[in-house]
Amino acid sequence: MIMQAETEAEIEEYADLGSFNHGYVQVRLGGLFDRMKEFTTVGELSLDVSGMDLSQFDLRSKEEIKPDLSLYPKRGLSHPKDILRMKEMPLLAVEIVSPKQGMYEIAEKVLLYFELGVRSCWVVEPIIQAITVYASIGQWETFTRGDVVDEKLGIRLPIDEIFA
């Protein structure tokens, strides 16, 4: 059987789709964050970037940015109206690398998050079981064993519990 190369359109179509590993790690990490009493974790929340020119960033979407997980100071549900685009930026934005997603795109998202005022960014790579914690664009540390430490936010999580 001859394998056909995927077209650029097919790759783009599937780039944002999750996968088993992506969803698994997203739920595990969200659950670990939820155990922390000082934070609220939200998945797939659109951030309001209406005041920013996204054309300066090399992203597929020029209208919104949506981290896989966002961490906010403790809060409850939004009543009586839900929030479709969050004006308040999260303390932490987490990007989980999908199978068809490139690191260049992830790097552009990290740049944008810091430009928006997000305090910390994590890039999670399920395949190699690594997490890179960005305190700023030029300051990061990659964790593959032991604890994942985010000194800026005072977070310490055992990496084995994330990728268990």
N, C-alpha and C. Protein backbone atom coordinates (compact mmCIF):
# COMPACT_ATOMS: atom_id res chain seq x y z
N MET A 1 0.84 -1.19 0.00
CA MET A 1 0.00 0.00 0.00
C MET A 1 0.88 1.25 0.00
N ILE A 2 0.59 2.18 -0.88
CA ILE A 2 1.37 3.40 -0.98
C ILE A 2 0.73 4.47 -0.11
N MET A 3 1.54 5.09 0.74
CA MET A 3 1.05 6.16 1.62
C MET A 3 1.16 7.49 0.88
N GLN A 4 0.08 8.26 0.88
CA GLN A 4 0.10 9.56 0.25
C GLN A 4 0.52 10.60 1.28
N ALA A 5 1.31 11.54 0.82
CA ALA A 5 1.72 12.64 1.71
C ALA A 5 0.50 13.50 2.00
N GLU A 6 0.40 13.96 3.24
CA GLU A 6 -0.71 14.82 3.62
C GLU A 6 -0.51 16.20 3.02
N THR A 7 -1.58 16.76 2.50
CA THR A 7 -1.50 18.11 1.97
C THR A 7 -1.45 19.11 3.10
N GLU A 8 -1.01 20.30 2.80
CA GLU A 8 -0.94 21.36 3.82
C GLU A 8 -2.32 21.64 4.40
N ALA A 9 -3.35 21.58 3.56
CA ALA A 9 -4.72 21.83 4.03
C ALA A 9 -5.16 20.74 5.01
N GLU A 10 -4.81 19.48 4.73
CA GLU A 10 -5.16 18.39 5.64
C GLU A 10 -4.44 18.53 6.97
N ILE A 11 -3.18 18.90 6.93
CA ILE A 11 -2.42 19.08 8.16
C ILE A 11 -3.03 20.20 8.98
N GLU A 12 -3.37 21.33 8.32
CA GLU A 12 -3.97 22.46 9.03
C GLU A 12 -5.31 22.08 9.63
N GLU A 13 -6.10 21.28 8.89
CA GLU A 13 -7.42 20.86 9.37
C GLU A 13 -7.32 20.07 10.66
N TYR A 14 -6.30 19.24 10.78
CA TYR A 14 -6.16 18.37 11.95
C TYR A 14 -5.25 18.93 13.03
N ALA A 15 -4.57 20.04 12.76
CA ALA A 15 -3.59 20.58 13.71
C ALA A 15 -4.23 20.94 15.05
N ASP A 16 -5.43 21.46 15.04
CA ASP A 16 -6.06 21.88 16.28
C ASP A 16 -6.88 20.79 16.95
N LEU A 17 -7.02 19.66 16.29
CA LEU A 17 -7.77 18.58 16.90
C LEU A 17 -6.97 17.98 18.04
N GLY A 18 -7.67 17.65 19.08
CA GLY A 18 -7.01 16.99 20.19
C GLY A 18 -6.71 15.55 19.83
N SER A 19 -6.15 14.86 20.77
CA SER A 19 -5.86 13.44 20.61
C SER A 19 -6.06 12.81 21.98
N PHE A 20 -5.93 11.52 22.05
CA PHE A 20 -6.07 10.85 23.34
C PHE A 20 -5.08 11.41 24.35
N ASN A 21 -3.80 11.44 23.98
CA ASN A 21 -2.77 11.93 24.90
C ASN A 21 -3.01 13.38 25.29
N HIS A 22 -3.39 14.20 24.32
CA HIS A 22 -3.66 15.61 24.59
C HIS A 22 -4.78 15.75 25.61
N GLY A 23 -5.89 15.07 25.37
CA GLY A 23 -7.03 15.14 26.28
C GLY A 23 -6.73 14.56 27.64
N TYR A 24 -6.01 13.47 27.65
CA TYR A 24 -5.63 12.80 28.91
C TYR A 24 -4.82 13.74 29.80
N VAL A 25 -3.78 14.33 29.21
CA VAL A 25 -2.90 15.23 29.97
C VAL A 25 -3.66 16.50 30.38
N GLN A 26 -4.54 16.98 29.52
CA GLN A 26 -5.32 18.17 29.84
C GLN A 26 -6.19 17.94 31.08
N VAL A 27 -6.85 16.80 31.13
CA VAL A 27 -7.71 16.47 32.28
C VAL A 27 -6.86 16.25 33.54
N ARG A 28 -5.75 15.51 33.42
CA ARG A 28 -4.90 15.24 34.58
C ARG A 28 -4.34 16.55 35.16
N LEU A 29 -3.81 17.39 34.29
CA LEU A 29 -3.21 18.64 34.75
C LEU A 29 -4.27 19.57 35.33
N GLY A 30 -5.42 19.64 34.68
CA GLY A 30 -6.53 20.45 35.22
C GLY A 30 -6.96 19.98 36.59
N GLY A 31 -7.01 18.67 36.80
CA GLY A 31 -7.37 18.11 38.10
C GLY A 31 -6.36 18.45 39.18
N LEU A 32 -5.08 18.41 38.81
CA LEU A 32 -4.04 18.77 39.78
C LEU A 32 -4.11 20.25 40.15
N PHE A 33 -4.36 21.09 39.16
CA PHE A 33 -4.53 22.52 39.44
C PHE A 33 -5.75 22.76 40.33
N ASP A 34 -6.82 22.02 40.08
CA ASP A 34 -8.05 22.20 40.87
C ASP A 34 -7.87 21.87 42.34
N ARG A 35 -6.90 21.06 42.67
CA ARG A 35 -6.62 20.73 44.08
C ARG A 35 -6.06 21.93 44.83
N MET A 36 -5.54 22.90 44.09
CA MET A 36 -4.96 24.10 44.71
C MET A 36 -6.09 25.07 45.00
N LYS A 37 -6.23 25.43 46.24
CA LYS A 37 -7.37 26.25 46.67
C LYS A 37 -7.31 27.69 46.18
N GLU A 38 -6.14 28.17 45.78
CA GLU A 38 -6.02 29.58 45.40
C GLU A 38 -6.27 29.85 43.92
N PHE A 39 -6.50 28.77 43.13
CA PHE A 39 -6.66 28.94 41.68
C PHE A 39 -7.97 28.34 41.18
N THR A 40 -8.42 28.85 40.05
CA THR A 40 -9.52 28.26 39.29
C THR A 40 -8.97 27.91 37.91
N THR A 41 -9.22 26.70 37.47
CA THR A 41 -8.74 26.22 36.18
C THR A 41 -9.89 26.22 35.18
N VAL A 42 -9.62 26.74 33.98
CA VAL A 42 -10.62 26.77 32.92
C VAL A 42 -9.97 26.21 31.66
N GLY A 43 -10.69 25.31 30.98
CA GLY A 43 -10.17 24.73 29.74
C GLY A 43 -10.78 25.39 28.52
N GLU A 44 -9.95 25.59 27.49
CA GLU A 44 -10.40 26.06 26.18
C GLU A 44 -11.19 27.37 26.24
N LEU A 45 -10.76 28.31 27.05
CA LEU A 45 -11.44 29.60 27.19
C LEU A 45 -10.82 30.61 26.22
N SER A 46 -11.66 31.22 25.40
CA SER A 46 -11.19 32.26 24.47
C SER A 46 -10.82 33.51 25.25
N LEU A 47 -9.64 34.03 24.98
CA LEU A 47 -9.20 35.26 25.61
C LEU A 47 -9.54 36.43 24.69
N ASP A 48 -9.99 37.53 25.26
CA ASP A 48 -10.37 38.70 24.48
C ASP A 48 -9.10 39.43 24.03
N VAL A 49 -8.84 39.35 22.74
CA VAL A 49 -7.66 40.00 22.17
C VAL A 49 -8.08 41.09 21.18
N SER A 50 -9.29 41.62 21.38
CA SER A 50 -9.84 42.59 20.43
C SER A 50 -8.99 43.86 20.32
N GLY A 51 -8.23 44.20 21.34
CA GLY A 51 -7.42 45.39 21.30
C GLY A 51 -6.02 45.17 20.76
N MET A 52 -5.75 43.98 20.26
CA MET A 52 -4.39 43.67 19.81
C MET A 52 -4.39 43.27 18.34
N ASP A 53 -3.37 43.69 17.64
CA ASP A 53 -3.19 43.33 16.24
C ASP A 53 -2.49 41.97 16.18
N LEU A 54 -3.24 40.92 15.91
CA LEU A 54 -2.66 39.57 15.90
C LEU A 54 -1.88 39.27 14.62
N SER A 55 -1.94 40.17 13.64
CA SER A 55 -1.22 39.92 12.39
C SER A 55 0.29 39.92 12.61
N GLN A 56 0.76 40.50 13.71
CA GLN A 56 2.20 40.49 14.00
C GLN A 56 2.69 39.13 14.50
N PHE A 57 1.74 38.24 14.78
CA PHE A 57 2.07 36.89 15.23
C PHE A 57 1.70 35.91 14.13
N ASP A 58 2.53 34.93 13.91
CA ASP A 58 2.31 33.96 12.84
C ASP A 58 1.41 32.83 13.36
N LEU A 59 0.11 33.14 13.47
CA LEU A 59 -0.87 32.19 13.97
C LEU A 59 -1.94 31.96 12.91
N ARG A 60 -2.55 30.79 12.93
CA ARG A 60 -3.64 30.51 11.98
C ARG A 60 -4.83 31.42 12.25
N SER A 61 -5.20 31.57 13.50
CA SER A 61 -6.34 32.41 13.86
C SER A 61 -5.86 33.82 14.11
N LYS A 62 -6.49 34.76 13.46
CA LYS A 62 -6.14 36.17 13.65
C LYS A 62 -7.18 36.88 14.50
N GLU A 63 -8.12 36.10 15.10
CA GLU A 63 -9.22 36.71 15.85
C GLU A 63 -9.26 36.32 17.31
N GLU A 64 -8.69 35.16 17.66
CA GLU A 64 -8.76 34.73 19.05
C GLU A 64 -7.57 33.86 19.40
N ILE A 65 -7.39 33.73 20.70
CA ILE A 65 -6.38 32.82 21.23
C ILE A 65 -7.05 32.04 22.35
N LYS A 66 -6.80 30.75 22.37
CA LYS A 66 -7.51 29.89 23.32
C LYS A 66 -6.53 28.87 23.90
N PRO A 67 -5.97 29.15 25.09
CA PRO A 67 -5.08 28.16 25.70
C PRO A 67 -5.82 26.86 26.02
N ASP A 68 -5.09 25.77 26.08
CA ASP A 68 -5.70 24.50 26.47
C ASP A 68 -6.19 24.57 27.91
N LEU A 69 -5.42 25.21 28.78
CA LEU A 69 -5.83 25.46 30.16
C LEU A 69 -5.43 26.87 30.54
N SER A 70 -6.29 27.53 31.30
CA SER A 70 -5.99 28.86 31.85
C SER A 70 -6.17 28.78 33.36
N LEU A 71 -5.27 29.40 34.07
CA LEU A 71 -5.34 29.41 35.53
C LEU A 71 -5.58 30.84 36.00
N TYR A 72 -6.63 31.02 36.80
CA TYR A 72 -7.03 32.32 37.33
C TYR A 72 -7.00 32.29 38.84
N PRO A 73 -6.96 33.48 39.47
CA PRO A 73 -7.18 33.50 40.92
C PRO A 73 -8.55 32.89 41.20
N LYS A 74 -8.73 32.32 42.37
CA LYS A 74 -9.96 31.60 42.72
C LYS A 74 -11.20 32.44 42.42
N ARG A 75 -12.15 31.83 41.74
CA ARG A 75 -13.44 32.44 41.41
C ARG A 75 -14.44 31.34 41.16
N GLY A 76 -15.72 31.68 41.15
CA GLY A 76 -16.78 30.71 40.89
C GLY A 76 -17.33 30.87 39.48
N LEU A 77 -18.48 30.24 39.27
CA LEU A 77 -19.15 30.37 37.98
C LEU A 77 -19.55 31.81 37.73
N SER A 78 -19.68 32.16 36.47
CA SER A 78 -20.11 33.51 36.10
C SER A 78 -21.64 33.53 36.01
N HIS A 79 -22.28 34.29 36.90
CA HIS A 79 -23.74 34.39 36.93
C HIS A 79 -24.15 35.84 36.79
N PRO A 80 -25.21 36.20 36.19
CA PRO A 80 -26.15 35.32 35.51
C PRO A 80 -25.74 35.01 34.08
N LYS A 81 -24.70 35.71 33.55
CA LYS A 81 -24.28 35.48 32.18
C LYS A 81 -22.93 34.75 32.15
N ASP A 82 -22.79 33.90 31.17
CA ASP A 82 -21.52 33.22 30.95
C ASP A 82 -20.56 34.19 30.26
N ILE A 83 -19.29 33.85 30.24
CA ILE A 83 -18.27 34.67 29.58
C ILE A 83 -17.80 33.93 28.34
N LEU A 84 -17.97 34.54 27.19
CA LEU A 84 -17.56 33.92 25.93
C LEU A 84 -16.12 34.27 25.56
N ARG A 85 -15.73 35.49 25.87
CA ARG A 85 -14.35 35.94 25.66
C ARG A 85 -13.90 36.65 26.92
N MET A 86 -12.92 36.08 27.57
CA MET A 86 -12.45 36.59 28.85
C MET A 86 -11.56 37.81 28.65
N LYS A 87 -11.95 38.93 29.26
CA LYS A 87 -11.13 40.15 29.20
C LYS A 87 -9.94 40.07 30.15
N GLU A 88 -10.14 39.46 31.31
CA GLU A 88 -9.05 39.29 32.28
C GLU A 88 -8.12 38.18 31.80
N MET A 89 -6.85 38.49 31.72
CA MET A 89 -5.89 37.48 31.27
C MET A 89 -5.57 36.52 32.42
N PRO A 90 -5.31 35.26 32.09
CA PRO A 90 -5.00 34.29 33.14
C PRO A 90 -3.62 34.55 33.74
N LEU A 91 -3.41 34.00 34.92
CA LEU A 91 -2.08 34.01 35.52
C LEU A 91 -1.15 33.09 34.73
N LEU A 92 -1.73 31.97 34.29
CA LEU A 92 -0.97 30.93 33.59
C LEU A 92 -1.75 30.46 32.38
N ALA A 93 -1.06 30.35 31.24
CA ALA A 93 -1.63 29.75 30.03
C ALA A 93 -0.85 28.47 29.75
N VAL A 94 -1.58 27.38 29.53
CA VAL A 94 -0.96 26.09 29.25
C VAL A 94 -1.30 25.67 27.82
N GLU A 95 -0.28 25.34 27.06
CA GLU A 95 -0.44 24.79 25.72
C GLU A 95 0.05 23.35 25.74
N ILE A 96 -0.80 22.44 25.30
CA ILE A 96 -0.43 21.02 25.19
C ILE A 96 -0.23 20.73 23.71
N VAL A 97 0.94 20.28 23.36
CA VAL A 97 1.29 20.07 21.96
C VAL A 97 0.49 18.89 21.41
N SER A 98 -0.22 19.16 20.31
CA SER A 98 -0.99 18.13 19.61
C SER A 98 -0.09 17.44 18.59
N PRO A 99 -0.46 16.23 18.16
CA PRO A 99 0.39 15.47 17.24
C PRO A 99 0.77 16.22 15.95
N LYS A 100 -0.11 17.03 15.41
CA LYS A 100 0.17 17.70 14.14
C LYS A 100 0.55 19.17 14.31
N GLN A 101 0.79 19.57 15.56
CA GLN A 101 1.08 20.97 15.83
C GLN A 101 2.59 21.18 15.87
N GLY A 102 3.05 22.26 15.25
CA GLY A 102 4.47 22.54 15.22
C GLY A 102 4.91 23.42 16.39
N MET A 103 6.17 23.30 16.74
CA MET A 103 6.70 24.09 17.85
C MET A 103 6.78 25.57 17.51
N TYR A 104 6.91 25.90 16.23
CA TYR A 104 6.94 27.31 15.85
C TYR A 104 5.62 27.99 16.23
N GLU A 105 4.52 27.32 15.94
CA GLU A 105 3.20 27.87 16.29
C GLU A 105 3.06 28.02 17.80
N ILE A 106 3.54 27.05 18.56
CA ILE A 106 3.49 27.12 20.01
C ILE A 106 4.33 28.30 20.51
N ALA A 107 5.50 28.48 19.93
CA ALA A 107 6.38 29.60 20.33
C ALA A 107 5.69 30.94 20.06
N GLU A 108 4.98 31.06 18.96
CA GLU A 108 4.25 32.29 18.66
C GLU A 108 3.15 32.54 19.69
N LYS A 109 2.48 31.46 20.12
CA LYS A 109 1.45 31.61 21.14
C LYS A 109 2.05 32.07 22.46
N VAL A 110 3.19 31.52 22.83
CA VAL A 110 3.85 31.92 24.07
C VAL A 110 4.21 33.40 24.01
N LEU A 111 4.75 33.85 22.88
CA LEU A 111 5.05 35.28 22.70
C LEU A 111 3.80 36.13 22.92
N LEU A 112 2.70 35.71 22.30
CA LEU A 112 1.44 36.45 22.41
C LEU A 112 0.94 36.47 23.86
N TYR A 113 0.99 35.35 24.54
CA TYR A 113 0.53 35.31 25.93
C TYR A 113 1.27 36.33 26.79
N PHE A 114 2.59 36.39 26.64
CA PHE A 114 3.35 37.36 27.44
C PHE A 114 3.02 38.79 27.02
N GLU A 115 2.81 39.00 25.75
CA GLU A 115 2.42 40.33 25.25
C GLU A 115 1.07 40.76 25.86
N LEU A 116 0.19 39.79 26.09
CA LEU A 116 -1.13 40.06 26.67
C LEU A 116 -1.09 40.26 28.19
N GLY A 117 0.04 39.96 28.80
CA GLY A 117 0.16 40.14 30.25
C GLY A 117 0.02 38.88 31.08
N VAL A 118 -0.02 37.72 30.42
CA VAL A 118 -0.04 36.45 31.15
C VAL A 118 1.28 36.33 31.90
N ARG A 119 1.24 35.92 33.15
CA ARG A 119 2.46 35.90 33.99
C ARG A 119 3.37 34.71 33.72
N SER A 120 2.79 33.57 33.34
CA SER A 120 3.58 32.36 33.16
C SER A 120 2.94 31.51 32.07
N CYS A 121 3.77 30.77 31.32
CA CYS A 121 3.26 29.87 30.27
C CYS A 121 3.93 28.51 30.41
N TRP A 122 3.13 27.48 30.22
CA TRP A 122 3.66 26.12 30.21
C TRP A 122 3.41 25.51 28.85
N VAL A 123 4.40 24.83 28.32
CA VAL A 123 4.25 24.05 27.09
C VAL A 123 4.45 22.59 27.48
N VAL A 124 3.41 21.80 27.25
CA VAL A 124 3.40 20.40 27.66
C VAL A 124 3.54 19.53 26.42
N GLU A 125 4.51 18.61 26.45
CA GLU A 125 4.74 17.71 25.32
C GLU A 125 4.50 16.27 25.77
N PRO A 126 3.26 15.76 25.55
CA PRO A 126 2.91 14.42 26.03
C PRO A 126 3.80 13.30 25.49
N ILE A 127 4.19 13.38 24.23
CA ILE A 127 4.96 12.29 23.63
C ILE A 127 6.29 12.07 24.33
N ILE A 128 6.97 13.15 24.70
CA ILE A 128 8.27 13.00 25.37
C ILE A 128 8.16 13.24 26.87
N GLN A 129 6.94 13.43 27.34
CA GLN A 129 6.65 13.64 28.77
C GLN A 129 7.55 14.73 29.37
N ALA A 130 7.45 15.91 28.75
CA ALA A 130 8.24 17.05 29.20
C ALA A 130 7.33 18.27 29.32
N ILE A 131 7.66 19.15 30.26
CA ILE A 131 6.94 20.40 30.45
C ILE A 131 7.96 21.52 30.55
N THR A 132 7.81 22.52 29.69
CA THR A 132 8.66 23.70 29.74
C THR A 132 7.86 24.82 30.39
N VAL A 133 8.41 25.38 31.45
CA VAL A 133 7.79 26.48 32.19
C VAL A 133 8.51 27.76 31.80
N TYR A 134 7.76 28.69 31.21
CA TYR A 134 8.30 29.99 30.82
C TYR A 134 7.93 31.03 31.86
N ALA A 135 8.95 31.64 32.49
CA ALA A 135 8.72 32.75 33.40
C ALA A 135 8.70 34.06 32.61
N SER A 136 9.34 34.03 31.44
CA SER A 136 9.35 35.14 30.49
C SER A 136 9.83 34.57 29.16
N ILE A 137 9.89 35.41 28.14
CA ILE A 137 10.34 34.92 26.84
C ILE A 137 11.76 34.36 26.92
N GLY A 138 12.62 35.01 27.65
CA GLY A 138 14.01 34.58 27.72
C GLY A 138 14.38 33.72 28.90
N GLN A 139 13.39 33.35 29.70
CA GLN A 139 13.69 32.56 30.91
C GLN A 139 12.73 31.38 30.99
N TRP A 140 13.27 30.18 30.83
CA TRP A 140 12.45 28.98 30.90
C TRP A 140 13.27 27.82 31.44
N GLU A 141 12.53 26.80 31.88
CA GLU A 141 13.16 25.57 32.34
C GLU A 141 12.28 24.40 31.90
N THR A 142 12.92 23.34 31.42
CA THR A 142 12.19 22.15 30.98
C THR A 142 12.36 21.05 32.03
N PHE A 143 11.22 20.43 32.36
CA PHE A 143 11.18 19.38 33.38
C PHE A 143 10.78 18.06 32.73
N THR A 144 11.53 17.00 33.04
CA THR A 144 11.21 15.66 32.54
C THR A 144 11.08 14.65 33.67
N ARG A 145 11.47 15.04 34.88
CA ARG A 145 11.34 14.16 36.06
C ARG A 145 11.28 15.03 37.31
N GLY A 146 10.88 14.40 38.40
CA GLY A 146 10.77 15.14 39.66
C GLY A 146 9.53 16.02 39.65
N ASP A 147 9.70 17.23 40.14
CA ASP A 147 8.58 18.19 40.22
C ASP A 147 8.69 19.24 39.12
N VAL A 148 7.54 19.62 38.60
CA VAL A 148 7.46 20.78 37.72
C VAL A 148 7.30 21.98 38.65
N VAL A 149 8.19 22.96 38.52
CA VAL A 149 8.20 24.09 39.44
C VAL A 149 7.98 25.38 38.67
N ASP A 150 6.96 26.12 39.08
CA ASP A 150 6.70 27.46 38.54
C ASP A 150 6.90 28.43 39.70
N GLU A 151 8.09 28.98 39.79
CA GLU A 151 8.43 29.86 40.92
C GLU A 151 7.61 31.13 40.91
N LYS A 152 7.27 31.61 39.74
CA LYS A 152 6.50 32.86 39.64
C LYS A 152 5.14 32.74 40.30
N LEU A 153 4.51 31.58 40.16
CA LEU A 153 3.16 31.37 40.71
C LEU A 153 3.16 30.50 41.96
N GLY A 154 4.32 30.02 42.37
CA GLY A 154 4.39 29.19 43.57
C GLY A 154 3.77 27.81 43.38
N ILE A 155 3.90 27.26 42.18
CA ILE A 155 3.30 25.95 41.87
C ILE A 155 4.41 24.90 41.81
N ARG A 156 4.11 23.76 42.41
CA ARG A 156 5.02 22.60 42.37
C ARG A 156 4.15 21.36 42.21
N LEU A 157 4.32 20.64 41.08
CA LEU A 157 3.53 19.44 40.80
C LEU A 157 4.45 18.29 40.41
N PRO A 158 4.20 17.11 40.94
CA PRO A 158 5.00 15.93 40.54
C PRO A 158 4.71 15.58 39.08
N ILE A 159 5.74 15.53 38.27
CA ILE A 159 5.55 15.25 36.85
C ILE A 159 4.95 13.87 36.63
N ASP A 160 5.26 12.93 37.52
CA ASP A 160 4.69 11.57 37.40
C ASP A 160 3.16 11.57 37.52
N GLU A 161 2.61 12.50 38.27
CA GLU A 161 1.14 12.56 38.40
C GLU A 161 0.50 13.17 37.16
N ILE A 162 1.24 13.94 36.40
CA ILE A 162 0.70 14.54 35.18
C ILE A 162 0.67 13.51 34.06
N PHE A 163 1.75 12.75 33.93
CA PHE A 163 1.87 11.80 32.83
C PHE A 163 1.59 10.36 33.26
N ALA A 164 1.00 10.15 34.42
CA ALA A 164 0.76 8.79 34.95
C ALA A 164 -0.12 7.97 34.02
